[in-house]
Amino acid sequence: MLIDITPLKISRDYRLLFFGQLISFFGSMMSFIVVPVQMFQLTESSLMVGLIGIAEFVPMFVLAFVGGVLADAVDRRKMLRLTEVGQTIVTAILLGNSLLPQPQIWILFVCVGIHAGLAGLQRPSFEALIPKIVPLEYMTAVSALNSIRYNVGAILSPIIAGFLVTGLGASWAYLIDLITFIASLIAVWLIRAVPPAADADRPNFESIKKGFRYAMSRQELLGTYLIDINAMLFGMPIALFPAIAAAHGGASVGFLYSAIAVGALIASLTSGWAKKVYRHGLMIAIAAALWGVAIIFFGLAESFWLGLFFLAVAGFFDMISGIFRSTIWNQTIPNHFRGRLAGIEMISYLTGPMLGHAEAGIVAHFFGVKTSIISGGILTVIGTIVLAFLLPKFIFYDGREGIKRKKREEQERETMKTLEPSIEQI
């Protein structure tokens, strides 16, 4: 069954964000590919490439909590505007560094750290904005559309970036990224304001703790975080792509990145069936385990093209997992917690890849690239099985009950707001 595009038809603001991000992400993926390739060119070390993930993780982890609190307490449109401007400036710095006679490694680390921090501030507002501009019953369709937006850029951009960085240099890729930011800046300036609720929690440490306690109290949410962290921490081989590509011509690095996105795009375009599935937790666990299996076969593949095939298979199952994780989050989390939990979600789906880059680089440094990939896939499968046994409420979660729970919690909150004046008078 083909993808449901209803959200694009019924929501002007979602259309603006979708197409603005579509264009901008095409450029951003170039920088995402070129930074590790440039690092490998400068250092010839997979370990140094892996350490990029550490540079990204620390500011992302800290500022995602802050971004989550602010998403519930300030105008989400304003947050998108400020962070988009900041990311544009960071890209300009990367461009300037690439034009130096000797590009500086420390500037690469600083820029990826700042960019990740800004993403930590931005993503919760973006995620919390979606349920306000698109009806809840279309969240599965939104998840699929967002993945298409991501994967269109993730397929074409890396291939182009691979040829640019090996043929003309990193500067051209950074320049294209800088130009495409215009589309996202226009989009965030045209969408309508999305002010916080009148009774929104104040942005402070207690507010962060409230969101964290709520997330930890629900096993179906905890499962979405831990399953993905496990899969990406052990089974993400991206940091090894520059080293793999070096044996097949440097420009082939783009095909390795794109292969995962090809599989993910196929999953998105054929995702219409997902709206008829309600055992979301079970589907996430199955998809995560199959991601690990595909990574094992990628590590075992002797042919470059066969390896690309298994990366595409891995990307397919990763996207299936992503669609159902996003559906759980958007359909079940009350609006007054949405920003804070979007921050926790961001930490969950970026912690794995960022630390996974370092894990893959360290294992490859001591034991070799092939061992790093295969062992990571095996640990992914084992970890998924263990978590499935430890989180039975996650595995047996039913999406229909999740929607009912969200509506019930929001009704209870409205009732309490109505009763508060009477209680204060007593």
Protein backbone atom coordinates (compact mmCIF):
# COMPACT_ATOMS: atom_id res chain seq x y z
CA MET A 1 0.00 0.00 0.00
CA LEU A 2 1.41 3.39 -1.01
CA ILE A 3 2.14 6.26 1.34
CA ASP A 4 -0.63 8.45 2.77
CA ILE A 5 -0.03 12.14 1.87
CA THR A 6 -3.08 13.54 3.70
CA PRO A 7 -0.99 15.67 6.13
CA LEU A 8 0.46 17.61 3.17
CA LYS A 9 -3.04 18.25 1.84
CA ILE A 10 -4.66 19.49 5.03
CA SER A 11 -1.92 21.49 6.79
CA ARG A 12 -0.32 24.62 5.28
CA ASP A 13 2.32 24.86 8.01
CA TYR A 14 3.28 21.22 7.65
CA ARG A 15 3.68 21.73 3.88
CA LEU A 16 6.01 24.69 4.52
CA LEU A 17 8.13 22.75 6.99
CA PHE A 18 8.17 19.64 4.82
CA PHE A 19 9.43 21.31 1.64
CA GLY A 20 11.69 23.78 3.44
CA GLN A 21 13.39 20.96 5.34
CA LEU A 22 13.47 18.80 2.20
CA ILE A 23 15.62 21.35 0.37
CA SER A 24 17.72 22.33 3.36
CA PHE A 25 18.42 18.75 4.38
CA PHE A 26 19.75 17.97 0.92
CA GLY A 27 22.54 20.46 1.61
CA SER A 28 22.99 19.46 5.26
CA MET A 29 23.59 15.84 4.28
CA MET A 30 26.52 17.03 2.17
CA SER A 31 28.19 18.48 5.24
CA PHE A 32 27.28 15.36 7.22
CA ILE A 33 29.17 13.25 4.68
CA VAL A 34 32.03 15.63 3.97
CA VAL A 35 33.08 16.31 7.58
CA PRO A 36 34.11 12.67 8.30
CA VAL A 37 35.62 12.29 4.82
CA GLN A 38 37.61 15.48 5.31
CA MET A 39 38.69 14.25 8.75
CA PHE A 40 39.87 10.93 7.25
CA GLN A 41 41.73 12.78 4.50
CA LEU A 42 43.50 14.94 7.10
CA THR A 43 44.29 12.17 9.62
CA GLU A 44 43.93 8.81 7.80
CA SER A 45 42.41 7.48 11.03
CA SER A 46 39.02 5.78 11.54
CA LEU A 47 39.48 6.47 15.25
CA MET A 48 39.55 10.23 14.62
CA VAL A 49 36.46 9.91 12.45
CA GLY A 50 34.74 8.01 15.26
CA LEU A 51 35.63 10.72 17.78
CA ILE A 52 33.46 13.14 15.81
CA GLY A 53 30.55 11.30 17.41
CA ILE A 54 31.85 12.14 20.89
CA ALA A 55 32.23 15.81 19.92
CA GLU A 56 28.58 15.79 18.81
CA PHE A 57 27.21 13.77 21.70
CA VAL A 58 28.13 15.96 24.67
CA PRO A 59 26.49 19.25 23.53
CA MET A 60 23.53 17.37 22.02
CA PHE A 61 22.92 15.47 25.26
CA VAL A 62 23.04 18.58 27.44
CA LEU A 63 21.09 20.93 25.18
CA ALA A 64 18.39 18.42 24.18
CA PHE A 65 17.06 18.62 27.75
CA VAL A 66 17.15 22.42 27.58
CA GLY A 67 15.53 22.39 24.14
CA GLY A 68 12.79 20.11 25.43
CA VAL A 69 11.92 22.42 28.30
CA LEU A 70 11.97 25.50 26.06
CA ALA A 71 9.75 23.75 23.49
CA ASP A 72 7.03 23.49 26.15
CA ALA A 73 7.54 27.02 27.48
CA VAL A 74 8.17 29.37 24.51
CA ASP A 75 6.92 29.91 20.97
CA ARG A 76 8.17 26.86 19.04
CA ARG A 77 8.39 28.88 15.84
CA LYS A 78 10.85 31.26 17.51
CA MET A 79 13.03 28.33 18.55
CA LEU A 80 13.13 27.06 14.97
CA ARG A 81 14.11 30.49 13.67
CA LEU A 82 16.98 31.04 16.12
CA THR A 83 18.50 27.60 15.68
CA GLU A 84 18.25 27.67 11.88
CA VAL A 85 20.21 30.94 11.86
CA GLY A 86 22.81 29.40 14.17
CA GLN A 87 23.25 26.33 11.98
CA THR A 88 23.66 28.55 8.93
CA ILE A 89 26.52 30.37 10.65
CA VAL A 90 28.21 27.07 11.58
CA THR A 91 28.10 25.95 7.95
CA ALA A 92 29.69 29.23 6.90
CA ILE A 93 32.55 28.55 9.34
CA LEU A 94 33.04 25.05 7.89
CA LEU A 95 33.22 26.60 4.43
CA GLY A 96 35.80 29.14 5.58
CA ASN A 97 37.92 26.45 7.24
CA SER A 98 37.88 24.32 4.09
CA LEU A 99 39.27 27.24 2.09
CA LEU A 100 42.35 27.55 4.34
CA PRO A 101 45.68 26.24 2.97
CA GLN A 102 45.70 23.85 5.96
CA PRO A 103 42.14 23.17 7.24
CA GLN A 104 42.15 22.88 11.02
CA ILE A 105 41.01 19.63 12.65
CA TRP A 106 39.95 21.40 15.85
CA ILE A 107 37.57 23.60 13.87
CA LEU A 108 35.86 20.49 12.52
CA PHE A 109 35.36 19.19 16.07
CA VAL A 110 34.09 22.56 17.34
CA CYS A 111 31.68 23.03 14.43
CA VAL A 112 30.12 19.57 14.66
CA GLY A 113 29.73 20.11 18.41
CA ILE A 114 27.98 23.46 17.99
CA HIS A 115 25.80 22.11 15.20
CA ALA A 116 24.76 19.14 17.34
CA GLY A 117 24.01 21.46 20.25
CA LEU A 118 21.81 23.65 18.08
CA ALA A 119 20.05 20.52 16.83
CA GLY A 120 19.48 19.59 20.47
CA LEU A 121 17.74 22.92 21.00
CA GLN A 122 15.79 22.76 17.74
CA ARG A 123 14.54 19.22 17.38
CA PRO A 124 12.23 19.16 20.42
CA SER A 125 10.41 22.26 19.15
CA PHE A 126 10.11 20.75 15.68
CA GLU A 127 8.74 17.45 17.02
CA ALA A 128 6.41 19.15 19.50
CA LEU A 129 5.09 21.41 16.74
CA ILE A 130 3.85 18.54 14.53
CA PRO A 131 0.96 17.31 16.74
CA LYS A 132 -0.25 20.93 16.94
CA ILE A 133 -0.53 21.38 13.15
CA VAL A 134 -1.57 17.85 12.05
CA PRO A 135 -4.40 15.76 13.63
CA LEU A 136 -3.29 12.82 15.78
CA GLU A 137 -4.83 10.16 13.56
CA TYR A 138 -2.36 11.09 10.80
CA MET A 139 0.81 10.66 12.88
CA THR A 140 1.78 7.40 11.15
CA ALA A 141 1.47 9.18 7.79
CA VAL A 142 3.53 12.10 9.14
CA SER A 143 6.25 9.70 10.27
CA ALA A 144 6.41 8.16 6.80
CA LEU A 145 6.41 11.55 5.05
CA ASN A 146 9.16 12.86 7.31
CA SER A 147 11.22 9.79 6.52
CA ILE A 148 10.75 10.38 2.78
CA ARG A 149 11.91 13.95 3.23
CA TYR A 150 14.96 12.65 5.03
CA ASN A 151 15.75 9.83 2.63
CA VAL A 152 15.41 11.80 -0.60
CA GLY A 153 18.28 13.97 0.63
CA ALA A 154 20.11 11.03 2.18
CA ILE A 155 20.21 9.16 -1.15
CA LEU A 156 21.15 11.85 -3.65
CA SER A 157 23.23 14.16 -1.48
CA PRO A 158 25.88 11.64 -0.31
CA ILE A 159 26.53 10.43 -3.85
CA ILE A 160 27.04 13.99 -5.08
CA ALA A 161 29.07 14.87 -1.97
CA GLY A 162 31.34 11.87 -2.51
CA PHE A 163 32.27 13.02 -5.99
CA LEU A 164 32.57 16.66 -4.92
CA VAL A 165 34.89 16.06 -1.97
CA THR A 166 37.19 13.75 -3.94
CA GLY A 167 37.08 15.76 -7.17
CA LEU A 168 36.63 19.45 -6.36
CA GLY A 169 37.15 19.56 -2.60
CA ALA A 170 35.03 19.96 0.54
CA SER A 171 34.39 23.66 -0.08
CA TRP A 172 31.84 23.03 -2.82
CA ALA A 173 29.76 20.73 -0.61
CA TYR A 174 29.76 23.25 2.25
CA LEU A 175 28.77 26.02 -0.17
CA ILE A 176 25.77 24.03 -1.42
CA ASP A 177 24.74 23.37 2.18
CA LEU A 178 24.96 27.08 2.96
CA ILE A 179 22.78 28.02 -0.03
CA THR A 180 20.07 25.46 0.75
CA PHE A 181 19.57 26.88 4.24
CA ILE A 182 17.61 29.66 2.49
CA ALA A 183 14.66 27.27 2.01
CA SER A 184 14.38 26.31 5.67
CA LEU A 185 14.82 29.92 6.80
CA ILE A 186 11.93 30.99 4.54
CA ALA A 187 9.74 28.16 5.88
CA VAL A 188 10.26 28.93 9.57
CA TRP A 189 9.56 32.60 8.94
CA LEU A 190 6.26 31.88 7.15
CA ILE A 191 4.66 29.36 9.52
CA ARG A 192 2.17 30.59 12.09
CA ALA A 193 3.15 31.22 15.70
CA VAL A 194 2.75 28.28 18.08
CA PRO A 195 2.75 29.84 21.56
CA PRO A 196 2.98 27.64 24.67
CA ALA A 197 -0.09 26.74 26.70
CA ALA A 198 -1.14 29.34 29.25
CA ASP A 199 -0.43 26.89 32.08
CA ALA A 200 2.86 25.62 30.66
CA ASP A 201 5.52 24.62 33.20
CA ARG A 202 8.26 27.19 33.68
CA PRO A 203 11.60 26.30 32.06
CA ASN A 204 13.64 25.08 35.03
CA PHE A 205 15.32 21.96 36.36
CA GLU A 206 12.14 20.77 38.08
CA SER A 207 10.38 20.91 34.72
CA ILE A 208 13.08 18.70 33.22
CA LYS A 209 12.67 16.19 36.06
CA LYS A 210 8.90 16.07 35.52
CA GLY A 211 9.36 15.15 31.87
CA PHE A 212 12.02 12.56 32.69
CA ARG A 213 9.88 10.94 35.40
CA TYR A 214 6.94 10.75 33.02
CA ALA A 215 9.04 9.08 30.32
CA MET A 216 10.48 6.54 32.78
CA SER A 217 6.99 5.73 34.13
CA ARG A 218 5.84 4.34 30.78
CA GLN A 219 7.47 1.12 29.64
CA GLU A 220 6.30 1.53 26.04
CA LEU A 221 8.22 4.83 25.82
CA LEU A 222 11.26 3.41 27.59
CA GLY A 223 11.30 0.55 25.09
CA THR A 224 11.43 2.90 22.10
CA TYR A 225 14.47 4.62 23.60
CA LEU A 226 16.46 1.58 24.69
CA ILE A 227 15.82 -0.60 21.63
CA ASP A 228 17.06 2.13 19.30
CA ILE A 229 20.07 3.06 21.44
CA ASN A 230 21.14 -0.59 21.49
CA ALA A 231 20.75 -1.00 17.71
CA MET A 232 22.63 2.16 16.83
CA LEU A 233 25.33 1.91 19.49
CA PHE A 234 26.53 -1.51 18.34
CA GLY A 235 25.22 -1.79 14.77
CA MET A 236 26.02 1.61 13.23
CA PRO A 237 29.05 1.27 10.89
CA ILE A 238 29.01 4.78 9.37
CA ALA A 239 32.32 5.86 10.95
CA LEU A 240 33.99 3.06 8.97
CA PHE A 241 32.67 4.16 5.58
CA PRO A 242 35.64 6.42 4.67
CA ALA A 243 38.07 3.56 5.36
CA ILE A 244 35.94 1.08 3.39
CA ALA A 245 35.62 3.50 0.48
CA ALA A 246 39.39 4.07 0.37
CA ALA A 247 39.75 0.55 -1.02
CA HIS A 248 37.16 1.17 -3.75
CA GLY A 249 37.94 4.73 -4.79
CA GLY A 250 37.22 7.61 -2.48
CA ALA A 251 34.07 8.76 -4.28
CA SER A 252 32.35 5.44 -3.47
CA VAL A 253 31.84 6.67 0.10
CA GLY A 254 28.64 8.39 -1.05
CA PHE A 255 27.14 5.09 -2.19
CA LEU A 256 27.69 3.55 1.24
CA TYR A 257 25.80 6.37 2.95
CA SER A 258 23.09 6.36 0.30
CA ALA A 259 22.47 2.62 0.44
CA ILE A 260 20.94 2.83 3.92
CA ALA A 261 18.70 5.68 2.76
CA VAL A 262 17.56 3.73 -0.32
CA GLY A 263 16.24 0.95 1.88
CA ALA A 264 14.64 3.46 4.22
CA LEU A 265 12.94 5.25 1.32
CA ILE A 266 11.49 1.97 0.02
CA ALA A 267 10.12 1.31 3.51
CA SER A 268 8.56 4.78 3.62
CA LEU A 269 6.99 4.62 0.15
CA THR A 270 5.38 1.27 0.94
CA SER A 271 4.35 2.16 4.49
CA GLY A 272 0.60 2.49 3.97
CA TRP A 273 0.14 -0.88 5.69
CA ALA A 274 1.58 0.52 8.93
CA LYS A 275 -1.63 2.37 9.86
CA LYS A 276 -3.39 -1.00 10.18
CA VAL A 277 -0.80 -2.33 12.66
CA TYR A 278 -1.31 -1.61 16.36
CA ARG A 279 1.38 -3.75 18.03
CA HIS A 280 3.91 -0.97 17.61
CA GLY A 281 6.37 -2.16 20.25
CA LEU A 282 6.60 -5.65 18.79
CA MET A 283 7.21 -4.22 15.31
CA ILE A 284 10.00 -1.99 16.64
CA ALA A 285 11.77 -4.94 18.29
CA ILE A 286 11.49 -7.15 15.19
CA ALA A 287 12.76 -4.37 12.92
CA ALA A 288 15.70 -3.58 15.23
CA ALA A 289 16.76 -7.24 15.34
CA LEU A 290 16.56 -7.50 11.53
CA TRP A 291 18.68 -4.33 11.24
CA GLY A 292 21.34 -6.18 13.24
CA VAL A 293 21.08 -9.26 11.02
CA ALA A 294 21.51 -7.13 7.88
CA ILE A 295 24.59 -5.43 9.38
CA ILE A 296 26.13 -8.86 10.06
CA PHE A 297 25.67 -9.81 6.40
CA PHE A 298 27.11 -6.42 5.35
CA GLY A 299 30.24 -7.23 7.33
CA LEU A 300 30.47 -10.70 5.78
CA ALA A 301 29.95 -9.51 2.19
CA GLU A 302 33.05 -9.82 0.02
CA SER A 303 31.55 -7.84 -2.87
CA PHE A 304 31.16 -4.05 -2.59
CA TRP A 305 27.79 -4.17 -4.37
CA LEU A 306 26.50 -7.02 -2.23
CA GLY A 307 27.51 -4.97 0.78
CA LEU A 308 25.44 -2.07 -0.54
CA PHE A 309 22.45 -4.42 -0.87
CA PHE A 310 22.65 -5.48 2.77
CA LEU A 311 23.05 -1.85 3.86
CA ALA A 312 19.83 -1.10 1.98
CA VAL A 313 18.11 -4.00 3.77
CA ALA A 314 19.35 -2.59 7.08
CA GLY A 315 18.00 0.84 6.15
CA PHE A 316 14.60 -0.69 5.33
CA PHE A 317 14.21 -2.20 8.78
CA ASP A 318 15.63 0.88 10.52
CA MET A 319 12.91 2.97 8.90
CA ILE A 320 10.19 0.50 9.92
CA SER A 321 11.41 0.87 13.49
CA GLY A 322 11.51 4.66 13.13
CA ILE A 323 7.96 4.91 11.80
CA PHE A 324 6.49 2.99 14.73
CA ARG A 325 8.66 4.78 17.32
CA SER A 326 7.52 8.16 16.05
CA THR A 327 3.91 6.97 16.01
CA ILE A 328 4.07 5.94 19.66
CA TRP A 329 5.56 9.28 20.64
CA ASN A 330 3.13 11.50 18.73
CA GLN A 331 -0.04 9.53 19.44
CA THR A 332 0.40 8.97 23.14
CA ILE A 333 2.41 11.77 24.81
CA PRO A 334 0.24 14.61 26.24
CA ASN A 335 0.82 17.99 24.60
CA HIS A 336 2.10 19.65 27.78
CA PHE A 337 4.94 17.08 27.92
CA ARG A 338 5.55 16.88 24.18
CA GLY A 339 8.53 19.24 24.00
CA ARG A 340 10.37 17.77 26.97
CA LEU A 341 9.89 14.23 25.80
CA ALA A 342 10.91 15.22 22.28
CA GLY A 343 14.23 16.19 23.88
CA ILE A 344 14.50 12.75 25.48
CA GLU A 345 13.55 11.15 22.16
CA MET A 346 16.28 13.07 20.41
CA ILE A 347 18.80 11.91 22.98
CA SER A 348 17.66 8.33 22.46
CA TYR A 349 17.92 8.28 18.67
CA LEU A 350 21.17 10.26 18.49
CA THR A 351 23.01 8.76 21.46
CA GLY A 352 23.29 5.41 19.68
CA PRO A 353 24.70 6.71 16.38
CA MET A 354 27.02 9.27 17.97
CA LEU A 355 28.52 6.89 20.52
CA GLY A 356 28.27 4.13 17.92
CA HIS A 357 30.67 6.07 15.69
CA ALA A 358 33.21 6.03 18.49
CA GLU A 359 32.52 2.35 19.30
CA ALA A 360 32.95 1.30 15.67
CA GLY A 361 36.13 3.37 15.29
CA ILE A 362 37.71 2.01 18.47
CA VAL A 363 36.94 -1.65 17.67
CA ALA A 364 38.16 -1.18 14.08
CA HIS A 365 41.36 0.47 15.35
CA PHE A 366 42.25 -2.56 17.50
CA PHE A 367 40.60 -5.49 15.71
CA GLY A 368 39.90 -4.40 12.14
CA VAL A 369 36.97 -3.02 10.16
CA LYS A 370 35.28 -6.36 9.39
CA THR A 371 35.36 -7.48 13.03
CA SER A 372 33.91 -4.15 14.12
CA ILE A 373 30.94 -4.47 11.75
CA ILE A 374 30.11 -8.14 12.39
CA SER A 375 30.47 -7.98 16.18
CA GLY A 376 28.28 -4.88 16.24
CA GLY A 377 25.51 -6.63 14.34
CA ILE A 378 25.64 -9.65 16.66
CA LEU A 379 25.46 -7.47 19.78
CA THR A 380 22.50 -5.60 18.28
CA VAL A 381 20.49 -8.81 17.90
CA ILE A 382 21.40 -10.08 21.38
CA GLY A 383 20.61 -6.72 23.00
CA THR A 384 17.23 -6.49 21.27
CA ILE A 385 16.21 -9.96 22.49
CA VAL A 386 17.26 -9.15 26.07
CA LEU A 387 15.35 -5.85 26.08
CA ALA A 388 12.24 -7.53 24.66
CA PHE A 389 12.19 -9.92 27.64
CA LEU A 390 12.85 -7.11 30.14
CA LEU A 391 10.10 -4.84 28.74
CA PRO A 392 6.94 -6.95 28.27
CA LYS A 393 4.58 -3.94 28.35
CA PHE A 394 6.52 -2.50 25.43
CA ILE A 395 6.25 -5.69 23.39
CA PHE A 396 2.50 -6.04 24.07
CA TYR A 397 1.73 -2.31 23.63
CA ASP A 398 -1.40 -1.58 21.54
CA GLY A 399 -1.55 1.76 19.71
CA ARG A 400 -5.33 2.09 20.10
CA GLU A 401 -4.96 2.07 23.87
CA GLY A 402 -2.16 4.63 23.60
CA ILE A 403 -4.43 7.17 21.88
CA LYS A 404 -7.11 6.64 24.50
CA ARG A 405 -4.57 7.17 27.25
CA LYS A 406 -3.39 10.46 25.79
CA LYS A 407 -6.93 11.79 25.50
CA ARG A 408 -7.74 10.64 29.03
CA GLU A 409 -4.63 12.30 30.51
CA GLU A 410 -5.34 15.57 28.70
CA GLN A 411 -8.98 15.51 29.87
CA GLU A 412 -7.83 14.95 33.44
CA ARG A 413 -5.44 17.89 33.14
CA GLU A 414 -8.26 20.11 31.83
CA THR A 415 -10.49 18.99 34.70
CA MET A 416 -7.80 19.86 37.25
CA LYS A 417 -7.37 23.29 35.68
CA THR A 418 -11.12 23.86 36.01
CA LEU A 419 -11.17 22.76 39.65
CA GLU A 420 -8.11 24.77 40.73
CA PRO A 421 -9.98 28.08 41.30
CA SER A 422 -12.56 26.31 43.47
CA ILE A 423 -9.86 24.52 45.47
CA GLU A 424 -8.00 27.79 46.04
CA GLN A 425 -11.20 29.44 47.33
CA ILE A 426 -11.74 26.60 49.81
